[in-house]
Amino acid sequence: MSKIPVYFMPGLAASPAIFERIALPEAEFEVVLLEWEIPLDHESLEAYAKRISRRIVHPDPVLIGVSFGGILVQEISKFVAARKVIIISSVKCNTEFPRRFKVAKATKAYKLIPMDLLINVEKLAKFSFGSKINQRLKLYEKFLSVRDKRYLEWAVENVILWERCEADPNVIHIHGDADEVFPIKYISNPIVVKGGTHIMILNKYKWLNENLPKIIKA
């Protein structure tokens, strides 16, 4: 029996190390970890997705994306005949964005984000935000692999300005009911993970390891 190829795309600026706790049975699945590349000048999200899609070499793959990676795998599926598209802690269309994303789009407030500070997590960690946020910053420091200002500006803009306004009914959406980035009240028809936050790929890995094989093969 041939293995099912499963391609994983991490979240915005994250390294494939965010999938270190995900373990699919090796006898059934061949796992491939995708990475972010620096966008070309004025590259559209669609053109970027087409470029990344060239790294998908297996026929009939499963595409799994987290957060912005979930948006990207949906765009990649325009160029790759995927067996399944699964998104985790993400959105299926721009109507699932929270209000603050819509305000950011209307006001272009996303252009004011201090990208230099985001890149330098160590500098950010010197400010005392309380233990919960400092703990989160330590995670960011570990898993943030793309510290390129041009990439970050491109990525944030392409999330906020994502044009898809209708959900693809074939996309399988796994979402935590405690997601603070994309609150579940805006999400339609997800598979709900109780207590799952936006980083549940790291702390709800047991649920994912138990359920992803069944979801893929269903």
C-alpha atoms as a PDB file:
ATOM      1  CA  MET A   1       0.000   0.000   0.000  1.00  0.00           C
ATOM      2  CA  SER A   2       1.462   3.371  -0.978  1.00  0.00           C
ATOM      3  CA  LYS A   3       1.709   6.038   1.690  1.00  0.00           C
ATOM      4  CA  ILE A   4      -0.491   9.138   1.662  1.00  0.00           C
ATOM      5  CA  PRO A   5       1.679  12.254   1.109  1.00  0.00           C
ATOM      6  CA  VAL A   6       0.905  15.000   3.653  1.00  0.00           C
ATOM      7  CA  TYR A   7       2.394  18.473   3.210  1.00  0.00           C
ATOM      8  CA  PHE A   8       2.442  20.790   6.240  1.00  0.00           C
ATOM      9  CA  MET A   9       2.713  24.608   5.946  1.00  0.00           C
ATOM     10  CA  PRO A  10       3.503  26.549   9.146  1.00  0.00           C
ATOM     11  CA  GLY A  11       1.965  29.843  10.254  1.00  0.00           C
ATOM     12  CA  LEU A  12       3.163  33.356   9.478  1.00  0.00           C
ATOM     13  CA  ALA A  13       6.981  33.571   9.747  1.00  0.00           C
ATOM     14  CA  ALA A  14       7.047  30.266  11.647  1.00  0.00           C
ATOM     15  CA  SER A  15       9.464  27.439  11.013  1.00  0.00           C
ATOM     16  CA  PRO A  16       8.374  23.860  10.278  1.00  0.00           C
ATOM     17  CA  ALA A  17       9.561  23.107  13.843  1.00  0.00           C
ATOM     18  CA  ILE A  18       6.032  23.998  14.990  1.00  0.00           C
ATOM     19  CA  PHE A  19       5.074  20.515  13.756  1.00  0.00           C
ATOM     20  CA  GLU A  20       7.671  18.770  15.947  1.00  0.00           C
ATOM     21  CA  ARG A  21       4.968  17.230  18.156  1.00  0.00           C
ATOM     22  CA  ILE A  22       2.798  16.025  15.276  1.00  0.00           C
ATOM     23  CA  ALA A  23       3.355  12.320  14.608  1.00  0.00           C
ATOM     24  CA  LEU A  24       1.352  10.559  11.898  1.00  0.00           C
ATOM     25  CA  PRO A  25       1.776   6.767  11.573  1.00  0.00           C
ATOM     26  CA  GLU A  26       4.834   6.286   9.344  1.00  0.00           C
ATOM     27  CA  ALA A  27       3.452   3.139   7.740  1.00  0.00           C
ATOM     28  CA  GLU A  28       0.514   5.108   6.294  1.00  0.00           C
ATOM     29  CA  PHE A  29       1.724   8.671   5.746  1.00  0.00           C
ATOM     30  CA  GLU A  30       4.712  10.399   4.158  1.00  0.00           C
ATOM     31  CA  VAL A  31       5.125  13.800   5.820  1.00  0.00           C
ATOM     32  CA  VAL A  32       6.747  16.728   3.982  1.00  0.00           C
ATOM     33  CA  LEU A  33       7.366  20.037   5.773  1.00  0.00           C
ATOM     34  CA  LEU A  34       7.131  23.184   3.655  1.00  0.00           C
ATOM     35  CA  GLU A  35       8.923  26.431   4.508  1.00  0.00           C
ATOM     36  CA  TRP A  36       8.306  30.097   3.792  1.00  0.00           C
ATOM     37  CA  GLU A  37      10.377  31.771   1.104  1.00  0.00           C
ATOM     38  CA  ILE A  38      11.067  35.486   0.806  1.00  0.00           C
ATOM     39  CA  PRO A  39       8.467  36.971  -1.581  1.00  0.00           C
ATOM     40  CA  LEU A  40       9.597  38.583  -4.816  1.00  0.00           C
ATOM     41  CA  ASP A  41       9.030  42.317  -5.292  1.00  0.00           C
ATOM     42  CA  HIS A  42       5.291  43.061  -5.648  1.00  0.00           C
ATOM     43  CA  GLU A  43       4.510  39.330  -5.729  1.00  0.00           C
ATOM     44  CA  SER A  44       0.806  38.568  -5.313  1.00  0.00           C
ATOM     45  CA  LEU A  45      -0.357  35.870  -2.921  1.00  0.00           C
ATOM     46  CA  GLU A  46      -1.557  33.820  -5.898  1.00  0.00           C
ATOM     47  CA  ALA A  47       1.815  34.065  -7.659  1.00  0.00           C
ATOM     48  CA  TYR A  48       3.591  33.169  -4.413  1.00  0.00           C
ATOM     49  CA  ALA A  49       1.305  30.141  -3.958  1.00  0.00           C
ATOM     50  CA  LYS A  50       2.074  29.027  -7.517  1.00  0.00           C
ATOM     51  CA  ARG A  51       5.804  29.268  -6.781  1.00  0.00           C
ATOM     52  CA  ILE A  52       5.524  27.265  -3.536  1.00  0.00           C
ATOM     53  CA  SER A  53       3.300  24.698  -5.286  1.00  0.00           C
ATOM     54  CA  ARG A  54       6.308  23.636  -7.381  1.00  0.00           C
ATOM     55  CA  ARG A  55       7.743  22.052  -4.244  1.00  0.00           C
ATOM     56  CA  ILE A  56       4.821  19.622  -4.122  1.00  0.00           C
ATOM     57  CA  VAL A  57       6.042  16.599  -6.037  1.00  0.00           C
ATOM     58  CA  HIS A  58       3.600  13.860  -5.010  1.00  0.00           C
ATOM     59  CA  PRO A  59       0.349  13.283  -6.894  1.00  0.00           C
ATOM     60  CA  ASP A  60      -2.896  13.602  -4.920  1.00  0.00           C
ATOM     61  CA  PRO A  61      -1.364  15.135  -1.764  1.00  0.00           C
ATOM     62  CA  VAL A  62      -3.032  16.253   1.454  1.00  0.00           C
ATOM     63  CA  LEU A  63      -2.298  19.940   2.190  1.00  0.00           C
ATOM     64  CA  ILE A  64      -2.385  21.050   5.831  1.00  0.00           C
ATOM     65  CA  GLY A  65      -1.786  24.688   6.801  1.00  0.00           C
ATOM     66  CA  VAL A  66      -1.749  26.522  10.116  1.00  0.00           C
ATOM     67  CA  SER A  67      -2.985  30.135  10.422  1.00  0.00           C
ATOM     68  CA  PHE A  68      -1.562  32.112   7.426  1.00  0.00           C
ATOM     69  CA  GLY A  69      -0.253  28.760   6.205  1.00  0.00           C
ATOM     70  CA  GLY A  70      -3.914  27.694   6.055  1.00  0.00           C
ATOM     71  CA  ILE A  71      -4.674  30.614   3.764  1.00  0.00           C
ATOM     72  CA  LEU A  72      -1.654  29.727   1.624  1.00  0.00           C
ATOM     73  CA  VAL A  73      -2.554  26.036   1.183  1.00  0.00           C
ATOM     74  CA  GLN A  74      -6.005  27.093  -0.026  1.00  0.00           C
ATOM     75  CA  GLU A  75      -4.299  29.262  -2.652  1.00  0.00           C
ATOM     76  CA  ILE A  76      -1.872  26.427  -3.517  1.00  0.00           C
ATOM     77  CA  SER A  77      -4.843  24.125  -4.145  1.00  0.00           C
ATOM     78  CA  LYS A  78      -5.614  26.226  -7.245  1.00  0.00           C
ATOM     79  CA  PHE A  79      -2.440  24.787  -8.797  1.00  0.00           C
ATOM     80  CA  VAL A  80      -2.298  21.307  -7.221  1.00  0.00           C
ATOM     81  CA  ALA A  81      -4.968  18.606  -7.406  1.00  0.00           C
ATOM     82  CA  ALA A  82      -5.095  17.913  -3.679  1.00  0.00           C
ATOM     83  CA  ARG A  83      -6.730  14.882  -2.106  1.00  0.00           C
ATOM     84  CA  LYS A  84      -7.721  17.071   0.864  1.00  0.00           C
ATOM     85  CA  VAL A  85      -7.105  20.602   2.118  1.00  0.00           C
ATOM     86  CA  ILE A  86      -7.086  20.889   5.910  1.00  0.00           C
ATOM     87  CA  ILE A  87      -6.632  24.178   7.750  1.00  0.00           C
ATOM     88  CA  ILE A  88      -5.881  24.561  11.459  1.00  0.00           C
ATOM     89  CA  SER A  89      -6.367  27.806  13.467  1.00  0.00           C
ATOM     90  CA  SER A  90      -7.064  29.655  10.221  1.00  0.00           C
ATOM     91  CA  VAL A  91      -9.916  31.040   8.088  1.00  0.00           C
ATOM     92  CA  LYS A  92     -11.674  29.835   4.930  1.00  0.00           C
ATOM     93  CA  CYS A  93     -12.506  33.327   3.603  1.00  0.00           C
ATOM     94  CA  ASN A  94     -12.276  36.978   4.634  1.00  0.00           C
ATOM     95  CA  THR A  95     -15.805  36.995   6.109  1.00  0.00           C
ATOM     96  CA  GLU A  96     -14.378  34.856   8.941  1.00  0.00           C
ATOM     97  CA  PHE A  97     -11.955  37.611   9.939  1.00  0.00           C
ATOM     98  CA  PRO A  98     -12.627  39.361  13.266  1.00  0.00           C
ATOM     99  CA  ARG A  99     -13.730  42.987  13.179  1.00  0.00           C
ATOM    100  CA  ARG A 100     -10.250  44.326  13.958  1.00  0.00           C
ATOM    101  CA  PHE A 101      -8.931  42.805  10.708  1.00  0.00           C
ATOM    102  CA  LYS A 102     -11.658  44.597   8.770  1.00  0.00           C
ATOM    103  CA  VAL A 103     -10.844  47.879  10.528  1.00  0.00           C
ATOM    104  CA  ALA A 104      -7.144  47.368   9.764  1.00  0.00           C
ATOM    105  CA  LYS A 105      -8.019  46.855   6.095  1.00  0.00           C
ATOM    106  CA  ALA A 106     -10.220  49.946   5.917  1.00  0.00           C
ATOM    107  CA  THR A 107      -7.759  52.212   7.749  1.00  0.00           C
ATOM    108  CA  LYS A 108      -4.519  50.584   6.488  1.00  0.00           C
ATOM    109  CA  ALA A 109      -3.495  50.442  10.164  1.00  0.00           C
ATOM    110  CA  TYR A 110      -1.517  47.249   9.447  1.00  0.00           C
ATOM    111  CA  LYS A 111       1.110  49.465   7.776  1.00  0.00           C
ATOM    112  CA  LEU A 112       1.892  50.956  11.201  1.00  0.00           C
ATOM    113  CA  ILE A 113       2.983  47.658  12.784  1.00  0.00           C
ATOM    114  CA  PRO A 114       6.631  48.010  13.933  1.00  0.00           C
ATOM    115  CA  MET A 115       8.098  45.094  11.965  1.00  0.00           C
ATOM    116  CA  ASP A 116      11.619  45.743  13.283  1.00  0.00           C
ATOM    117  CA  LEU A 117      10.372  45.043  16.798  1.00  0.00           C
ATOM    118  CA  LEU A 118       8.576  41.889  15.677  1.00  0.00           C
ATOM    119  CA  ILE A 119      11.761  40.618  14.064  1.00  0.00           C
ATOM    120  CA  ASN A 120      13.768  41.292  17.210  1.00  0.00           C
ATOM    121  CA  VAL A 121      11.852  39.124  19.677  1.00  0.00           C
ATOM    122  CA  GLU A 122      14.755  39.211  22.114  1.00  0.00           C
ATOM    123  CA  LYS A 123      14.435  43.009  22.358  1.00  0.00           C
ATOM    124  CA  LEU A 124      10.666  42.694  22.782  1.00  0.00           C
ATOM    125  CA  ALA A 125      11.157  40.153  25.578  1.00  0.00           C
ATOM    126  CA  LYS A 126      13.082  42.741  27.626  1.00  0.00           C
ATOM    127  CA  PHE A 127       9.826  44.552  28.283  1.00  0.00           C
ATOM    128  CA  SER A 128       7.909  42.954  31.135  1.00  0.00           C
ATOM    129  CA  PHE A 129       4.445  42.035  29.879  1.00  0.00           C
ATOM    130  CA  GLY A 130       3.653  39.499  32.587  1.00  0.00           C
ATOM    131  CA  SER A 131       4.484  35.813  32.634  1.00  0.00           C
ATOM    132  CA  LYS A 132       1.857  34.639  30.124  1.00  0.00           C
ATOM    133  CA  ILE A 133       2.997  36.993  27.350  1.00  0.00           C
ATOM    134  CA  ASN A 134       6.687  36.458  28.129  1.00  0.00           C
ATOM    135  CA  GLN A 135       6.088  32.709  27.875  1.00  0.00           C
ATOM    136  CA  ARG A 136       4.453  33.264  24.474  1.00  0.00           C
ATOM    137  CA  LEU A 137       7.423  35.399  23.387  1.00  0.00           C
ATOM    138  CA  LYS A 138       9.798  32.549  24.261  1.00  0.00           C
ATOM    139  CA  LEU A 139       7.753  30.325  21.944  1.00  0.00           C
ATOM    140  CA  TYR A 140       7.894  32.961  19.199  1.00  0.00           C
ATOM    141  CA  GLU A 141      11.650  33.205  19.630  1.00  0.00           C
ATOM    142  CA  LYS A 142      11.968  29.432  19.223  1.00  0.00           C
ATOM    143  CA  PHE A 143       9.618  29.045  16.249  1.00  0.00           C
ATOM    144  CA  LEU A 144      10.022  32.341  14.356  1.00  0.00           C
ATOM    145  CA  SER A 145      12.305  31.456  11.473  1.00  0.00           C
ATOM    146  CA  VAL A 146      11.654  34.207   8.933  1.00  0.00           C
ATOM    147  CA  ARG A 147      13.038  37.431  10.342  1.00  0.00           C
ATOM    148  CA  ASP A 148      12.916  39.383   7.140  1.00  0.00           C
ATOM    149  CA  LYS A 149      11.148  42.739   7.227  1.00  0.00           C
ATOM    150  CA  ARG A 150      10.030  42.528   3.590  1.00  0.00           C
ATOM    151  CA  TYR A 151       8.503  39.084   4.177  1.00  0.00           C
ATOM    152  CA  LEU A 152       6.655  40.235   7.320  1.00  0.00           C
ATOM    153  CA  GLU A 153       5.228  43.338   5.632  1.00  0.00           C
ATOM    154  CA  TRP A 154       4.159  41.219   2.637  1.00  0.00           C
ATOM    155  CA  ALA A 155       2.622  38.498   4.826  1.00  0.00           C
ATOM    156  CA  VAL A 156       0.638  40.831   7.085  1.00  0.00           C
ATOM    157  CA  GLU A 157      -0.673  42.780   4.091  1.00  0.00           C
ATOM    158  CA  ASN A 158      -1.670  39.588   2.260  1.00  0.00           C
ATOM    159  CA  VAL A 159      -3.579  38.263   5.267  1.00  0.00           C
ATOM    160  CA  ILE A 160      -5.479  41.518   5.783  1.00  0.00           C
ATOM    161  CA  LEU A 161      -6.203  41.996   2.061  1.00  0.00           C
ATOM    162  CA  TRP A 162      -7.058  38.360   1.269  1.00  0.00           C
ATOM    163  CA  GLU A 163      -9.748  38.524  -1.388  1.00  0.00           C
ATOM    164  CA  ARG A 164     -11.500  35.170  -0.979  1.00  0.00           C
ATOM    165  CA  CYS A 165     -15.014  36.051   0.177  1.00  0.00           C
ATOM    166  CA  GLU A 166     -16.666  32.629  -0.083  1.00  0.00           C
ATOM    167  CA  ALA A 167     -15.570  29.528   1.780  1.00  0.00           C
ATOM    168  CA  ASP A 168     -14.728  26.423  -0.234  1.00  0.00           C
ATOM    169  CA  PRO A 169     -17.076  23.773   1.214  1.00  0.00           C
ATOM    170  CA  ASN A 170     -14.439  21.082   0.600  1.00  0.00           C
ATOM    171  CA  VAL A 171     -11.887  22.671   2.943  1.00  0.00           C
ATOM    172  CA  ILE A 172     -11.736  20.864   6.296  1.00  0.00           C
ATOM    173  CA  HIS A 173     -11.391  23.385   9.103  1.00  0.00           C
ATOM    174  CA  ILE A 174     -10.045  22.451  12.563  1.00  0.00           C
ATOM    175  CA  HIS A 175     -10.383  25.297  15.047  1.00  0.00           C
ATOM    176  CA  GLY A 176      -9.962  25.840  18.782  1.00  0.00           C
ATOM    177  CA  ASP A 177     -12.844  27.339  20.738  1.00  0.00           C
ATOM    178  CA  ALA A 178     -10.351  29.584  22.584  1.00  0.00           C
ATOM    179  CA  ASP A 179      -8.546  30.949  19.491  1.00  0.00           C
ATOM    180  CA  GLU A 180      -7.681  34.559  20.296  1.00  0.00           C
ATOM    181  CA  VAL A 181      -6.557  35.562  16.785  1.00  0.00           C
ATOM    182  CA  PHE A 182      -9.525  34.165  14.847  1.00  0.00           C
ATOM    183  CA  PRO A 183     -12.351  33.916  17.431  1.00  0.00           C
ATOM    184  CA  ILE A 184     -14.574  30.915  16.808  1.00  0.00           C
ATOM    185  CA  LYS A 185     -17.763  33.009  16.756  1.00  0.00           C
ATOM    186  CA  TYR A 186     -16.766  34.174  13.243  1.00  0.00           C
ATOM    187  CA  ILE A 187     -15.911  30.665  11.964  1.00  0.00           C
ATOM    188  CA  SER A 188     -18.442  28.552  10.078  1.00  0.00           C
ATOM    189  CA  ASN A 189     -18.668  24.749  10.336  1.00  0.00           C
ATOM    190  CA  PRO A 190     -15.324  23.936  11.989  1.00  0.00           C
ATOM    191  CA  ILE A 191     -14.270  20.732  13.710  1.00  0.00           C
ATOM    192  CA  VAL A 192     -13.995  22.206  17.209  1.00  0.00           C
ATOM    193  CA  VAL A 193     -11.121  21.464  19.575  1.00  0.00           C
ATOM    194  CA  LYS A 194     -12.154  22.282  23.128  1.00  0.00           C
ATOM    195  CA  GLY A 195      -9.705  24.637  24.837  1.00  0.00           C
ATOM    196  CA  GLY A 196      -7.700  25.027  21.632  1.00  0.00           C
ATOM    197  CA  THR A 197      -5.939  28.398  21.262  1.00  0.00           C
ATOM    198  CA  HIS A 198      -4.246  29.862  18.191  1.00  0.00           C
ATOM    199  CA  ILE A 199      -1.112  27.834  19.006  1.00  0.00           C
ATOM    200  CA  MET A 200      -2.908  24.520  19.521  1.00  0.00           C
ATOM    201  CA  ILE A 201      -0.592  22.882  16.970  1.00  0.00           C
ATOM    202  CA  LEU A 202       1.844  22.939  19.929  1.00  0.00           C
ATOM    203  CA  ASN A 203      -0.360  22.306  22.951  1.00  0.00           C
ATOM    204  CA  LYS A 204      -3.226  20.208  21.535  1.00  0.00           C
ATOM    205  CA  TYR A 205      -0.931  17.893  19.594  1.00  0.00           C
ATOM    206  CA  LYS A 206      -2.370  14.803  21.325  1.00  0.00           C
ATOM    207  CA  TRP A 207      -5.835  15.603  19.938  1.00  0.00           C
ATOM    208  CA  LEU A 208      -4.335  16.248  16.492  1.00  0.00           C
ATOM    209  CA  ASN A 209      -2.214  13.074  16.515  1.00  0.00           C
ATOM    210  CA  GLU A 210      -5.271  11.028  17.449  1.00  0.00           C
ATOM    211  CA  ASN A 211      -7.686  12.667  14.986  1.00  0.00           C
ATOM    212  CA  LEU A 212      -5.691  13.804  11.929  1.00  0.00           C
ATOM    213  CA  PRO A 213      -5.196  10.280  10.522  1.00  0.00           C
ATOM    214  CA  LYS A 214      -8.964   9.654  10.712  1.00  0.00           C
ATOM    215  CA  ILE A 215      -9.766  13.050   9.173  1.00  0.00           C
ATOM    216  CA  ILE A 216      -7.274  12.499   6.330  1.00  0.00           C
ATOM    217  CA  LYS A 217      -8.610   9.034   5.514  1.00  0.00           C
ATOM    218  CA  ALA A 218     -12.333   9.841   5.928  1.00  0.00           C
END
